[in-house]
């Protein structure tokens, strides 16, 4: 079970690093630029797949951690 948690953890780290920088406009908040601050951007294609994989791995990490704690 510990090895499975380790594998999920490593995959979660890798997939988070592969995500695109959605927080790039956040640096404009400090400088006062709000060109596309509230612009809605939908995830499409590979961004959507990576986002869903991240969600799945995060849930798996949480569940495995809880199971390991109570067993």
N, C-alpha and C. Protein backbone atom coordinates (compact mmCIF):
# COMPACT_ATOMS: atom_id res chain seq x y z
N UNK A 1 0.82 -1.19 0.00
CA UNK A 1 0.00 0.00 0.00
C UNK A 1 0.87 1.26 0.00
N UNK A 2 2.01 1.20 0.71
CA UNK A 2 2.90 2.35 0.75
C UNK A 2 3.51 2.62 -0.62
N UNK A 3 3.79 1.55 -1.36
CA UNK A 3 4.38 1.72 -2.69
C UNK A 3 3.36 2.35 -3.63
N UNK A 4 2.10 1.95 -3.51
CA UNK A 4 1.05 2.53 -4.35
C UNK A 4 0.87 4.01 -4.04
N UNK A 5 0.95 4.37 -2.76
CA UNK A 5 0.86 5.78 -2.38
C UNK A 5 2.05 6.57 -2.93
N UNK A 6 3.22 5.97 -2.91
CA UNK A 6 4.41 6.62 -3.45
C UNK A 6 4.28 6.85 -4.96
N UNK A 7 3.76 5.86 -5.66
CA UNK A 7 3.57 5.98 -7.11
C UNK A 7 2.56 7.08 -7.42
N UNK A 8 1.43 7.09 -6.70
CA UNK A 8 0.41 8.13 -6.91
C UNK A 8 0.98 9.50 -6.60
N UNK A 9 1.79 9.61 -5.56
CA UNK A 9 2.40 10.89 -5.19
C UNK A 9 3.32 11.41 -6.29
N UNK A 10 4.16 10.53 -6.81
CA UNK A 10 5.09 10.94 -7.87
C UNK A 10 4.33 11.34 -9.13
N UNK A 11 3.30 10.56 -9.48
CA UNK A 11 2.50 10.90 -10.66
C UNK A 11 1.77 12.23 -10.47
N UNK A 12 1.29 12.48 -9.26
CA UNK A 12 0.60 13.73 -8.97
C UNK A 12 1.55 14.92 -9.10
N UNK A 13 2.76 14.78 -8.62
CA UNK A 13 3.75 15.86 -8.74
C UNK A 13 4.06 16.12 -10.21
N UNK A 14 4.26 15.06 -10.98
CA UNK A 14 4.60 15.22 -12.40
C UNK A 14 3.46 15.88 -13.16
N UNK A 15 2.22 15.44 -12.92
CA UNK A 15 1.10 15.97 -13.68
C UNK A 15 0.80 17.43 -13.30
N UNK A 16 1.05 17.79 -12.05
CA UNK A 16 0.86 19.19 -11.65
C UNK A 16 1.91 20.08 -12.32
N UNK A 17 3.12 19.58 -12.45
CA UNK A 17 4.16 20.35 -13.12
C UNK A 17 3.89 20.50 -14.62
N UNK A 18 3.12 19.58 -15.20
CA UNK A 18 2.80 19.67 -16.62
C UNK A 18 1.67 20.65 -16.92
N UNK A 19 0.94 21.06 -15.92
CA UNK A 19 -0.18 21.97 -16.15
C UNK A 19 0.31 23.33 -16.60
N UNK A 20 -0.53 23.97 -17.42
CA UNK A 20 -0.17 25.30 -17.90
C UNK A 20 -0.35 26.31 -16.78
N UNK A 21 0.36 27.41 -16.90
CA UNK A 21 0.30 28.44 -15.86
C UNK A 21 -0.95 29.27 -15.97
N UNK A 22 -1.99 28.91 -15.23
CA UNK A 22 -3.23 29.68 -15.25
C UNK A 22 -3.11 30.92 -14.37
N UNK A 23 -2.12 30.96 -13.51
CA UNK A 23 -1.97 32.08 -12.59
C UNK A 23 -1.04 33.16 -13.14
N UNK A 24 -0.73 33.11 -14.42
CA UNK A 24 0.15 34.12 -15.00
C UNK A 24 -0.43 35.53 -14.86
N UNK A 25 -1.73 35.75 -15.09
CA UNK A 25 -2.25 37.11 -14.92
C UNK A 25 -2.26 37.58 -13.47
N UNK A 26 -2.05 36.67 -12.52
CA UNK A 26 -2.07 37.08 -11.11
C UNK A 26 -0.97 38.09 -10.80
N UNK A 27 0.12 38.05 -11.54
CA UNK A 27 1.19 39.02 -11.32
C UNK A 27 0.76 40.42 -11.73
N UNK A 28 -0.25 40.51 -12.59
CA UNK A 28 -0.74 41.81 -13.01
C UNK A 28 -1.58 42.49 -11.95
N UNK A 29 -2.04 41.73 -10.96
CA UNK A 29 -2.84 42.32 -9.89
C UNK A 29 -2.01 43.33 -9.11
N UNK A 30 -0.78 42.96 -8.85
CA UNK A 30 0.10 43.84 -8.08
C UNK A 30 0.44 45.09 -8.87
N UNK A 31 0.69 44.91 -10.17
CA UNK A 31 1.08 46.05 -10.99
C UNK A 31 -0.12 46.86 -11.47
N UNK A 32 -1.33 46.38 -11.24
CA UNK A 32 -2.51 47.16 -11.59
C UNK A 32 -3.10 46.80 -12.94
N UNK A 33 -2.49 45.92 -13.69
CA UNK A 33 -3.03 45.54 -14.98
C UNK A 33 -4.14 44.52 -14.82
N UNK A 34 -5.28 44.80 -15.45
CA UNK A 34 -6.40 43.86 -15.36
C UNK A 34 -6.98 43.59 -16.74
N UNK A 35 -6.12 43.36 -17.70
CA UNK A 35 -6.55 43.17 -19.08
C UNK A 35 -7.47 41.96 -19.20
N UNK A 36 -7.02 40.84 -18.73
CA UNK A 36 -7.85 39.63 -18.82
C UNK A 36 -7.96 38.95 -17.46
N UNK A 37 -8.07 39.74 -16.41
CA UNK A 37 -8.11 39.19 -15.06
C UNK A 37 -9.36 38.35 -14.84
N UNK A 38 -10.50 38.86 -15.29
CA UNK A 38 -11.76 38.14 -15.07
C UNK A 38 -12.25 37.45 -16.35
N UNK A 39 -11.37 37.27 -17.27
CA UNK A 39 -11.70 36.60 -18.52
C UNK A 39 -11.86 35.11 -18.27
N UNK A 40 -12.99 34.56 -18.67
CA UNK A 40 -13.23 33.13 -18.47
C UNK A 40 -12.54 32.35 -19.57
N UNK A 41 -11.70 31.40 -19.15
CA UNK A 41 -11.02 30.54 -20.11
C UNK A 41 -11.43 29.10 -19.83
N UNK A 42 -11.98 28.46 -20.83
CA UNK A 42 -12.37 27.06 -20.67
C UNK A 42 -11.20 26.17 -21.03
N UNK A 43 -11.11 25.08 -20.29
CA UNK A 43 -10.06 24.10 -20.59
C UNK A 43 -10.53 23.26 -21.77
N UNK A 44 -9.62 23.04 -22.69
CA UNK A 44 -9.95 22.23 -23.86
C UNK A 44 -8.78 21.34 -24.19
N UNK A 45 -9.09 20.21 -24.78
CA UNK A 45 -8.06 19.31 -25.27
C UNK A 45 -7.19 18.74 -24.16
N UNK A 46 -5.89 18.93 -24.33
CA UNK A 46 -4.94 18.34 -23.39
C UNK A 46 -5.04 18.98 -22.00
N UNK A 47 -5.39 20.27 -21.93
CA UNK A 47 -5.55 20.92 -20.62
C UNK A 47 -6.66 20.25 -19.81
N UNK A 48 -7.75 19.91 -20.48
CA UNK A 48 -8.86 19.26 -19.81
C UNK A 48 -8.47 17.87 -19.31
N UNK A 49 -7.74 17.13 -20.13
CA UNK A 49 -7.29 15.78 -19.75
C UNK A 49 -6.35 15.86 -18.55
N UNK A 50 -5.39 16.77 -18.60
CA UNK A 50 -4.44 16.91 -17.50
C UNK A 50 -5.15 17.36 -16.23
N UNK A 51 -6.13 18.23 -16.35
CA UNK A 51 -6.89 18.68 -15.18
C UNK A 51 -7.67 17.54 -14.56
N UNK A 52 -8.28 16.71 -15.37
CA UNK A 52 -9.04 15.57 -14.85
C UNK A 52 -8.14 14.51 -14.24
N UNK A 53 -6.98 14.29 -14.84
CA UNK A 53 -6.02 13.34 -14.26
C UNK A 53 -5.53 13.85 -12.90
N UNK A 54 -5.30 15.16 -12.81
CA UNK A 54 -4.88 15.76 -11.54
C UNK A 54 -5.95 15.57 -10.47
N UNK A 55 -7.19 15.80 -10.84
CA UNK A 55 -8.29 15.60 -9.91
C UNK A 55 -8.37 14.15 -9.45
N UNK A 56 -8.28 13.21 -10.37
CA UNK A 56 -8.34 11.79 -10.05
C UNK A 56 -7.18 11.38 -9.13
N UNK A 57 -5.96 11.81 -9.47
CA UNK A 57 -4.81 11.45 -8.64
C UNK A 57 -4.89 12.08 -7.25
N UNK A 58 -5.41 13.30 -7.17
CA UNK A 58 -5.58 13.95 -5.87
C UNK A 58 -6.57 13.21 -4.99
N UNK A 59 -7.67 12.78 -5.59
CA UNK A 59 -8.66 12.01 -4.84
C UNK A 59 -8.08 10.66 -4.42
N UNK A 60 -7.35 10.02 -5.31
CA UNK A 60 -6.72 8.74 -4.97
C UNK A 60 -5.72 8.90 -3.83
N UNK A 61 -4.93 9.96 -3.87
CA UNK A 61 -3.97 10.24 -2.81
C UNK A 61 -4.68 10.40 -1.46
N UNK A 62 -5.77 11.16 -1.47
CA UNK A 62 -6.53 11.40 -0.25
C UNK A 62 -7.12 10.10 0.30
N UNK A 63 -7.72 9.29 -0.57
CA UNK A 63 -8.34 8.05 -0.15
C UNK A 63 -7.30 7.07 0.38
N UNK A 64 -6.20 6.92 -0.33
CA UNK A 64 -5.15 5.99 0.10
C UNK A 64 -4.57 6.43 1.44
N UNK A 65 -4.38 7.73 1.62
CA UNK A 65 -3.85 8.24 2.88
C UNK A 65 -4.80 7.95 4.04
N UNK A 66 -6.10 8.14 3.82
CA UNK A 66 -7.07 7.84 4.87
C UNK A 66 -7.11 6.35 5.18
N UNK A 67 -7.07 5.50 4.16
CA UNK A 67 -7.11 4.07 4.37
C UNK A 67 -5.87 3.61 5.14
N UNK A 68 -4.71 4.15 4.78
CA UNK A 68 -3.49 3.76 5.47
C UNK A 68 -3.50 4.21 6.94
N UNK A 69 -4.15 5.32 7.22
CA UNK A 69 -4.20 5.82 8.59
C UNK A 69 -5.04 4.91 9.49
N UNK A 70 -6.14 4.40 8.96
CA UNK A 70 -7.07 3.64 9.78
C UNK A 70 -6.88 2.13 9.71
N UNK A 71 -5.91 1.66 8.95
CA UNK A 71 -5.67 0.22 8.88
C UNK A 71 -4.47 -0.14 9.72
